[in-house]
Amino acid sequence: MKIYGNRQLKTLPGQTIRPTSSLVREAVFNIWQGSITNCRWLDLCAGNGSMGAEALCRGASLVVGIEKWVKACAVIQQNWEQVSQPQQEFRVMRGNVVSQLKFLAGQQFDRIYFDPPYASKLYQPVLEAIAHYQLLDTMGELGVEHKPNKWTSPPCPTLEICRQKVYGNTALTFYRIESSLNEGFSPK
């Protein structure tokens, strides 16, 4: 698997991990272009770490990944070590994504990418945890990867959909903090 700058990443054999396709990965970074340099990136259900690696290659200052499979965590660590620069920070957390999010309470991220197994029941609890722990910066965005059909956006009182895109068998729904919660907010 190759990412930005023609860098080769390690992958895991078999069907256990489904890395984000190059088409979808490129689309996400085109949508978020101009906002990755110096951003704080959270990669949920990180797989082989390709999204976080891409963020590091494009200048993210901090990348945190959560993945439950121990073998995948080792691959993510190797991939991120390979592409990161000395001024960049990264951390790989192993465990259930919902349980691990509580350990990030008090931190905020400019970009969050969430790519769970499509048939999982993780969508609602993860969105609720992101909102509960206030992990998304007020000017940030959350991208959720899912199947385009038979998927309904789970309700979350503090997040609103800002765009949706479909790329073949993959769909992306992007969220931001609800506009009414940002009223009166002026960026620094």
C-alpha atoms as a PDB file:
ATOM      1  CA  MET A   1       0.000   0.000   0.000  1.00  0.00           C
ATOM      2  CA  LYS A   2       1.342   3.415  -0.977  1.00  0.00           C
ATOM      3  CA  ILE A   3       0.419   6.816   0.416  1.00  0.00           C
ATOM      4  CA  TYR A   4       1.291  10.481  -0.161  1.00  0.00           C
ATOM      5  CA  GLY A   5       4.808  10.963  -1.496  1.00  0.00           C
ATOM      6  CA  ASN A   6       4.836   7.399  -2.893  1.00  0.00           C
ATOM      7  CA  ARG A   7       5.656   6.003   0.559  1.00  0.00           C
ATOM      8  CA  GLN A   8       5.135   2.273   1.072  1.00  0.00           C
ATOM      9  CA  LEU A   9       3.231   1.157   4.192  1.00  0.00           C
ATOM     10  CA  LYS A  10       3.121  -2.260   5.811  1.00  0.00           C
ATOM     11  CA  THR A  11      -0.217  -4.047   5.755  1.00  0.00           C
ATOM     12  CA  LEU A  12      -1.626  -7.101   7.464  1.00  0.00           C
ATOM     13  CA  PRO A  13      -2.413 -10.290   5.552  1.00  0.00           C
ATOM     14  CA  GLY A  14      -5.966 -11.553   5.261  1.00  0.00           C
ATOM     15  CA  GLN A  15      -9.333  -9.893   5.629  1.00  0.00           C
ATOM     16  CA  THR A  16      -9.136  -8.872   9.299  1.00  0.00           C
ATOM     17  CA  ILE A  17      -8.251  -5.267   8.439  1.00  0.00           C
ATOM     18  CA  ARG A  18      -9.921  -3.350   5.599  1.00  0.00           C
ATOM     19  CA  PRO A  19      -7.702  -0.331   4.844  1.00  0.00           C
ATOM     20  CA  THR A  20      -9.380   2.772   3.457  1.00  0.00           C
ATOM     21  CA  SER A  21      -9.093   2.628  -0.334  1.00  0.00           C
ATOM     22  CA  SER A  22      -6.700   4.999  -2.077  1.00  0.00           C
ATOM     23  CA  LEU A  23      -9.666   6.678  -3.824  1.00  0.00           C
ATOM     24  CA  VAL A  24     -11.412   7.442  -0.524  1.00  0.00           C
ATOM     25  CA  ARG A  25      -8.162   8.395   1.211  1.00  0.00           C
ATOM     26  CA  GLU A  26      -7.346  10.868  -1.558  1.00  0.00           C
ATOM     27  CA  ALA A  27     -10.892  12.272  -1.458  1.00  0.00           C
ATOM     28  CA  VAL A  28     -10.712  12.863   2.315  1.00  0.00           C
ATOM     29  CA  PHE A  29      -7.417  14.693   2.036  1.00  0.00           C
ATOM     30  CA  ASN A  30      -8.699  16.753  -0.904  1.00  0.00           C
ATOM     31  CA  ILE A  31     -11.767  17.747   1.109  1.00  0.00           C
ATOM     32  CA  TRP A  32      -9.621  18.634   4.116  1.00  0.00           C
ATOM     33  CA  GLN A  33      -6.711  20.110   2.152  1.00  0.00           C
ATOM     34  CA  GLY A  34      -5.292  23.229   3.702  1.00  0.00           C
ATOM     35  CA  SER A  35      -6.321  22.113   7.195  1.00  0.00           C
ATOM     36  CA  ILE A  36      -3.964  19.198   7.862  1.00  0.00           C
ATOM     37  CA  THR A  37      -0.703  21.078   8.492  1.00  0.00           C
ATOM     38  CA  ASN A  38      -0.264  21.414  12.266  1.00  0.00           C
ATOM     39  CA  CYS A  39      -3.631  19.767  12.976  1.00  0.00           C
ATOM     40  CA  ARG A  40      -4.388  17.324  15.767  1.00  0.00           C
ATOM     41  CA  TRP A  41      -5.647  14.102  14.113  1.00  0.00           C
ATOM     42  CA  LEU A  42      -7.549  11.239  15.755  1.00  0.00           C
ATOM     43  CA  ASP A  43      -7.729   7.948  13.818  1.00  0.00           C
ATOM     44  CA  LEU A  44     -10.454   5.611  15.147  1.00  0.00           C
ATOM     45  CA  CYS A  45     -10.422   1.905  14.202  1.00  0.00           C
ATOM     46  CA  ALA A  46      -7.077   2.729  12.649  1.00  0.00           C
ATOM     47  CA  GLY A  47      -6.457  -0.597  10.850  1.00  0.00           C
ATOM     48  CA  ASN A  48      -2.945  -0.418   9.431  1.00  0.00           C
ATOM     49  CA  GLY A  49      -2.716   3.318  10.188  1.00  0.00           C
ATOM     50  CA  SER A  50      -2.864   4.536   6.587  1.00  0.00           C
ATOM     51  CA  MET A  51      -5.068   7.563   7.372  1.00  0.00           C
ATOM     52  CA  GLY A  52      -2.880   8.637  10.284  1.00  0.00           C
ATOM     53  CA  ALA A  53       0.274   8.042   8.214  1.00  0.00           C
ATOM     54  CA  GLU A  54      -1.171  10.205   5.444  1.00  0.00           C
ATOM     55  CA  ALA A  55      -1.947  12.933   7.997  1.00  0.00           C
ATOM     56  CA  LEU A  56       1.643  12.776   9.292  1.00  0.00           C
ATOM     57  CA  CYS A  57       3.016  12.992   5.736  1.00  0.00           C
ATOM     58  CA  ARG A  58       0.874  16.075   5.152  1.00  0.00           C
ATOM     59  CA  GLY A  59       2.115  17.847   8.286  1.00  0.00           C
ATOM     60  CA  ALA A  60      -0.217  16.969  11.174  1.00  0.00           C
ATOM     61  CA  SER A  61       1.461  17.899  14.453  1.00  0.00           C
ATOM     62  CA  LEU A  62      -0.217  15.148  16.491  1.00  0.00           C
ATOM     63  CA  VAL A  63      -1.756  11.837  15.432  1.00  0.00           C
ATOM     64  CA  VAL A  64      -3.466   9.495  17.881  1.00  0.00           C
ATOM     65  CA  GLY A  65      -4.783   6.138  16.713  1.00  0.00           C
ATOM     66  CA  ILE A  66      -7.036   3.614  18.400  1.00  0.00           C
ATOM     67  CA  GLU A  67      -7.133   0.000  17.206  1.00  0.00           C
ATOM     68  CA  LYS A  68      -8.234  -3.119  19.065  1.00  0.00           C
ATOM     69  CA  TRP A  69      -6.124  -5.724  17.274  1.00  0.00           C
ATOM     70  CA  VAL A  70      -2.631  -6.059  18.788  1.00  0.00           C
ATOM     71  CA  LYS A  71      -0.951  -7.110  15.507  1.00  0.00           C
ATOM     72  CA  ALA A  72      -2.423  -4.074  13.781  1.00  0.00           C
ATOM     73  CA  CYS A  73      -1.116  -1.789  16.543  1.00  0.00           C
ATOM     74  CA  ALA A  74       2.428  -3.036  15.903  1.00  0.00           C
ATOM     75  CA  VAL A  75       2.050  -2.326  12.158  1.00  0.00           C
ATOM     76  CA  ILE A  76       0.607   1.154  12.843  1.00  0.00           C
ATOM     77  CA  GLN A  77       3.534   1.958  15.142  1.00  0.00           C
ATOM     78  CA  GLN A  78       6.040   0.890  12.463  1.00  0.00           C
ATOM     79  CA  ASN A  79       4.236   2.786   9.700  1.00  0.00           C
ATOM     80  CA  TRP A  80       3.995   5.995  11.722  1.00  0.00           C
ATOM     81  CA  GLU A  81       7.639   5.793  12.839  1.00  0.00           C
ATOM     82  CA  GLN A  82       8.630   5.458   9.187  1.00  0.00           C
ATOM     83  CA  VAL A  83       6.782   8.584   7.979  1.00  0.00           C
ATOM     84  CA  SER A  84       6.885  10.953  10.969  1.00  0.00           C
ATOM     85  CA  GLN A  85       9.258  13.868  11.401  1.00  0.00           C
ATOM     86  CA  PRO A  86      11.026  14.680  14.712  1.00  0.00           C
ATOM     87  CA  GLN A  87       8.680  17.601  15.499  1.00  0.00           C
ATOM     88  CA  GLN A  88       5.567  15.418  15.100  1.00  0.00           C
ATOM     89  CA  GLU A  89       3.974  13.418  17.887  1.00  0.00           C
ATOM     90  CA  PHE A  90       2.004  10.206  17.556  1.00  0.00           C
ATOM     91  CA  ARG A  91       0.534   7.604  19.866  1.00  0.00           C
ATOM     92  CA  VAL A  92      -1.143   4.248  19.235  1.00  0.00           C
ATOM     93  CA  MET A  93      -3.730   3.105  21.786  1.00  0.00           C
ATOM     94  CA  ARG A  94      -4.820  -0.537  21.850  1.00  0.00           C
ATOM     95  CA  GLY A  95      -8.303  -1.573  22.880  1.00  0.00           C
ATOM     96  CA  ASN A  96     -11.992  -1.124  22.276  1.00  0.00           C
ATOM     97  CA  VAL A  97     -12.536   2.255  20.640  1.00  0.00           C
ATOM     98  CA  VAL A  98     -15.472   3.242  22.867  1.00  0.00           C
ATOM     99  CA  SER A  99     -13.583   2.422  26.096  1.00  0.00           C
ATOM    100  CA  GLN A 100     -10.363   4.097  24.942  1.00  0.00           C
ATOM    101  CA  LEU A 101     -12.026   7.425  24.082  1.00  0.00           C
ATOM    102  CA  LYS A 102     -12.493   8.252  27.778  1.00  0.00           C
ATOM    103  CA  PHE A 103      -8.707   8.366  28.154  1.00  0.00           C
ATOM    104  CA  LEU A 104      -8.640  11.251  25.668  1.00  0.00           C
ATOM    105  CA  ALA A 105     -11.069  13.408  27.678  1.00  0.00           C
ATOM    106  CA  GLY A 106      -9.648  16.921  27.972  1.00  0.00           C
ATOM    107  CA  GLN A 107      -7.974  16.753  24.554  1.00  0.00           C
ATOM    108  CA  GLN A 108      -9.451  18.098  21.348  1.00  0.00           C
ATOM    109  CA  PHE A 109      -8.765  17.174  17.753  1.00  0.00           C
ATOM    110  CA  ASP A 110      -9.107  19.239  14.583  1.00  0.00           C
ATOM    111  CA  ARG A 111      -9.772  16.196  12.414  1.00  0.00           C
ATOM    112  CA  ILE A 112     -11.212  12.845  13.483  1.00  0.00           C
ATOM    113  CA  TYR A 113     -11.468   9.927  11.072  1.00  0.00           C
ATOM    114  CA  PHE A 114     -13.653   6.962  12.040  1.00  0.00           C
ATOM    115  CA  ASP A 115     -13.601   3.803   9.897  1.00  0.00           C
ATOM    116  CA  PRO A 116     -15.129   0.883  11.823  1.00  0.00           C
ATOM    117  CA  PRO A 117     -16.123  -2.483  10.398  1.00  0.00           C
ATOM    118  CA  TYR A 118     -19.239  -1.504   8.460  1.00  0.00           C
ATOM    119  CA  ALA A 119     -21.481  -4.089  10.118  1.00  0.00           C
ATOM    120  CA  SER A 120     -20.376  -3.121  13.624  1.00  0.00           C
ATOM    121  CA  LYS A 121     -22.606  -1.453  16.130  1.00  0.00           C
ATOM    122  CA  LEU A 122     -19.934   1.138  16.923  1.00  0.00           C
ATOM    123  CA  TYR A 123     -21.325   4.159  15.084  1.00  0.00           C
ATOM    124  CA  GLN A 124     -23.779   5.427  17.720  1.00  0.00           C
ATOM    125  CA  PRO A 125     -21.613   4.824  20.830  1.00  0.00           C
ATOM    126  CA  VAL A 126     -18.517   6.355  19.231  1.00  0.00           C
ATOM    127  CA  LEU A 127     -20.333   9.496  18.073  1.00  0.00           C
ATOM    128  CA  GLU A 128     -21.867   9.835  21.537  1.00  0.00           C
ATOM    129  CA  ALA A 129     -18.454   9.397  23.198  1.00  0.00           C
ATOM    130  CA  ILE A 130     -16.847  11.988  20.908  1.00  0.00           C
ATOM    131  CA  ALA A 131     -19.599  14.440  21.851  1.00  0.00           C
ATOM    132  CA  HIS A 132     -19.589  13.522  25.556  1.00  0.00           C
ATOM    133  CA  TYR A 133     -15.824  13.900  25.966  1.00  0.00           C
ATOM    134  CA  GLN A 134     -15.822  16.986  23.670  1.00  0.00           C
ATOM    135  CA  LEU A 135     -13.034  15.523  21.542  1.00  0.00           C
ATOM    136  CA  LEU A 136     -13.867  17.510  18.398  1.00  0.00           C
ATOM    137  CA  ASP A 137     -12.554  21.064  18.337  1.00  0.00           C
ATOM    138  CA  THR A 138     -15.225  23.719  17.756  1.00  0.00           C
ATOM    139  CA  MET A 139     -13.779  24.392  14.289  1.00  0.00           C
ATOM    140  CA  GLY A 140     -12.975  20.725  13.606  1.00  0.00           C
ATOM    141  CA  GLU A 141     -14.587  18.031  11.492  1.00  0.00           C
ATOM    142  CA  LEU A 142     -15.264  14.345  11.955  1.00  0.00           C
ATOM    143  CA  GLY A 143     -15.299  12.033   8.926  1.00  0.00           C
ATOM    144  CA  VAL A 144     -17.187   8.740   9.222  1.00  0.00           C
ATOM    145  CA  GLU A 145     -16.720   5.962   6.664  1.00  0.00           C
ATOM    146  CA  HIS A 146     -19.656   3.602   6.055  1.00  0.00           C
ATOM    147  CA  LYS A 147     -21.614   1.692   3.407  1.00  0.00           C
ATOM    148  CA  PRO A 148     -23.686   4.005   1.228  1.00  0.00           C
ATOM    149  CA  ASN A 149     -26.867   1.953   1.451  1.00  0.00           C
ATOM    150  CA  LYS A 150     -28.743   0.811   4.536  1.00  0.00           C
ATOM    151  CA  TRP A 151     -26.989   3.332   6.765  1.00  0.00           C
ATOM    152  CA  THR A 152     -28.743   5.993   8.752  1.00  0.00           C
ATOM    153  CA  SER A 153     -26.758   8.671  10.477  1.00  0.00           C
ATOM    154  CA  PRO A 154     -27.032   8.060  14.214  1.00  0.00           C
ATOM    155  CA  PRO A 155     -28.487  11.032  16.074  1.00  0.00           C
ATOM    156  CA  CYS A 156     -26.061  12.956  18.229  1.00  0.00           C
ATOM    157  CA  PRO A 157     -27.292  16.119  19.942  1.00  0.00           C
ATOM    158  CA  THR A 158     -24.101  18.176  19.569  1.00  0.00           C
ATOM    159  CA  LEU A 159     -22.974  17.102  16.091  1.00  0.00           C
ATOM    160  CA  GLU A 160     -24.484  18.051  12.740  1.00  0.00           C
ATOM    161  CA  ILE A 161     -23.836  16.703   9.257  1.00  0.00           C
ATOM    162  CA  CYS A 162     -21.985  19.207   7.080  1.00  0.00           C
ATOM    163  CA  ARG A 163     -21.500  17.055   3.926  1.00  0.00           C
ATOM    164  CA  GLN A 164     -21.893  13.561   2.550  1.00  0.00           C
ATOM    165  CA  LYS A 165     -20.047  11.895  -0.329  1.00  0.00           C
ATOM    166  CA  VAL A 166     -20.255   8.492  -2.011  1.00  0.00           C
ATOM    167  CA  TYR A 167     -17.311   6.747  -3.703  1.00  0.00           C
ATOM    168  CA  GLY A 168     -18.510   3.425  -5.141  1.00  0.00           C
ATOM    169  CA  ASN A 169     -19.104   1.031  -2.220  1.00  0.00           C
ATOM    170  CA  THR A 170     -17.922   3.567   0.360  1.00  0.00           C
ATOM    171  CA  ALA A 171     -19.686   6.608   1.729  1.00  0.00           C
ATOM    172  CA  LEU A 172     -18.383   9.397   3.927  1.00  0.00           C
ATOM    173  CA  THR A 173     -20.452  11.512   6.272  1.00  0.00           C
ATOM    174  CA  PHE A 174     -18.777  14.574   7.747  1.00  0.00           C
ATOM    175  CA  TYR A 175     -19.849  16.143  11.020  1.00  0.00           C
ATOM    176  CA  ARG A 176     -19.010  19.339  12.854  1.00  0.00           C
ATOM    177  CA  ILE A 177     -20.096  20.844  16.154  1.00  0.00           C
ATOM    178  CA  GLU A 178     -23.703  22.005  15.875  1.00  0.00           C
ATOM    179  CA  SER A 179     -23.874  25.592  14.586  1.00  0.00           C
ATOM    180  CA  SER A 180     -25.989  26.754  17.525  1.00  0.00           C
ATOM    181  CA  LEU A 181     -23.212  25.653  19.897  1.00  0.00           C
ATOM    182  CA  ASN A 182     -20.673  27.745  17.973  1.00  0.00           C
ATOM    183  CA  GLU A 183     -22.715  30.969  18.090  1.00  0.00           C
ATOM    184  CA  GLY A 184     -20.700  33.721  19.631  1.00  0.00           C
ATOM    185  CA  PHE A 185     -17.483  31.798  19.032  1.00  0.00           C
ATOM    186  CA  SER A 186     -14.787  33.761  17.309  1.00  0.00           C
ATOM    187  CA  PRO A 187     -11.628  31.970  16.150  1.00  0.00           C
ATOM    188  CA  LYS A 188      -8.312  33.165  17.542  1.00  0.00           C
END
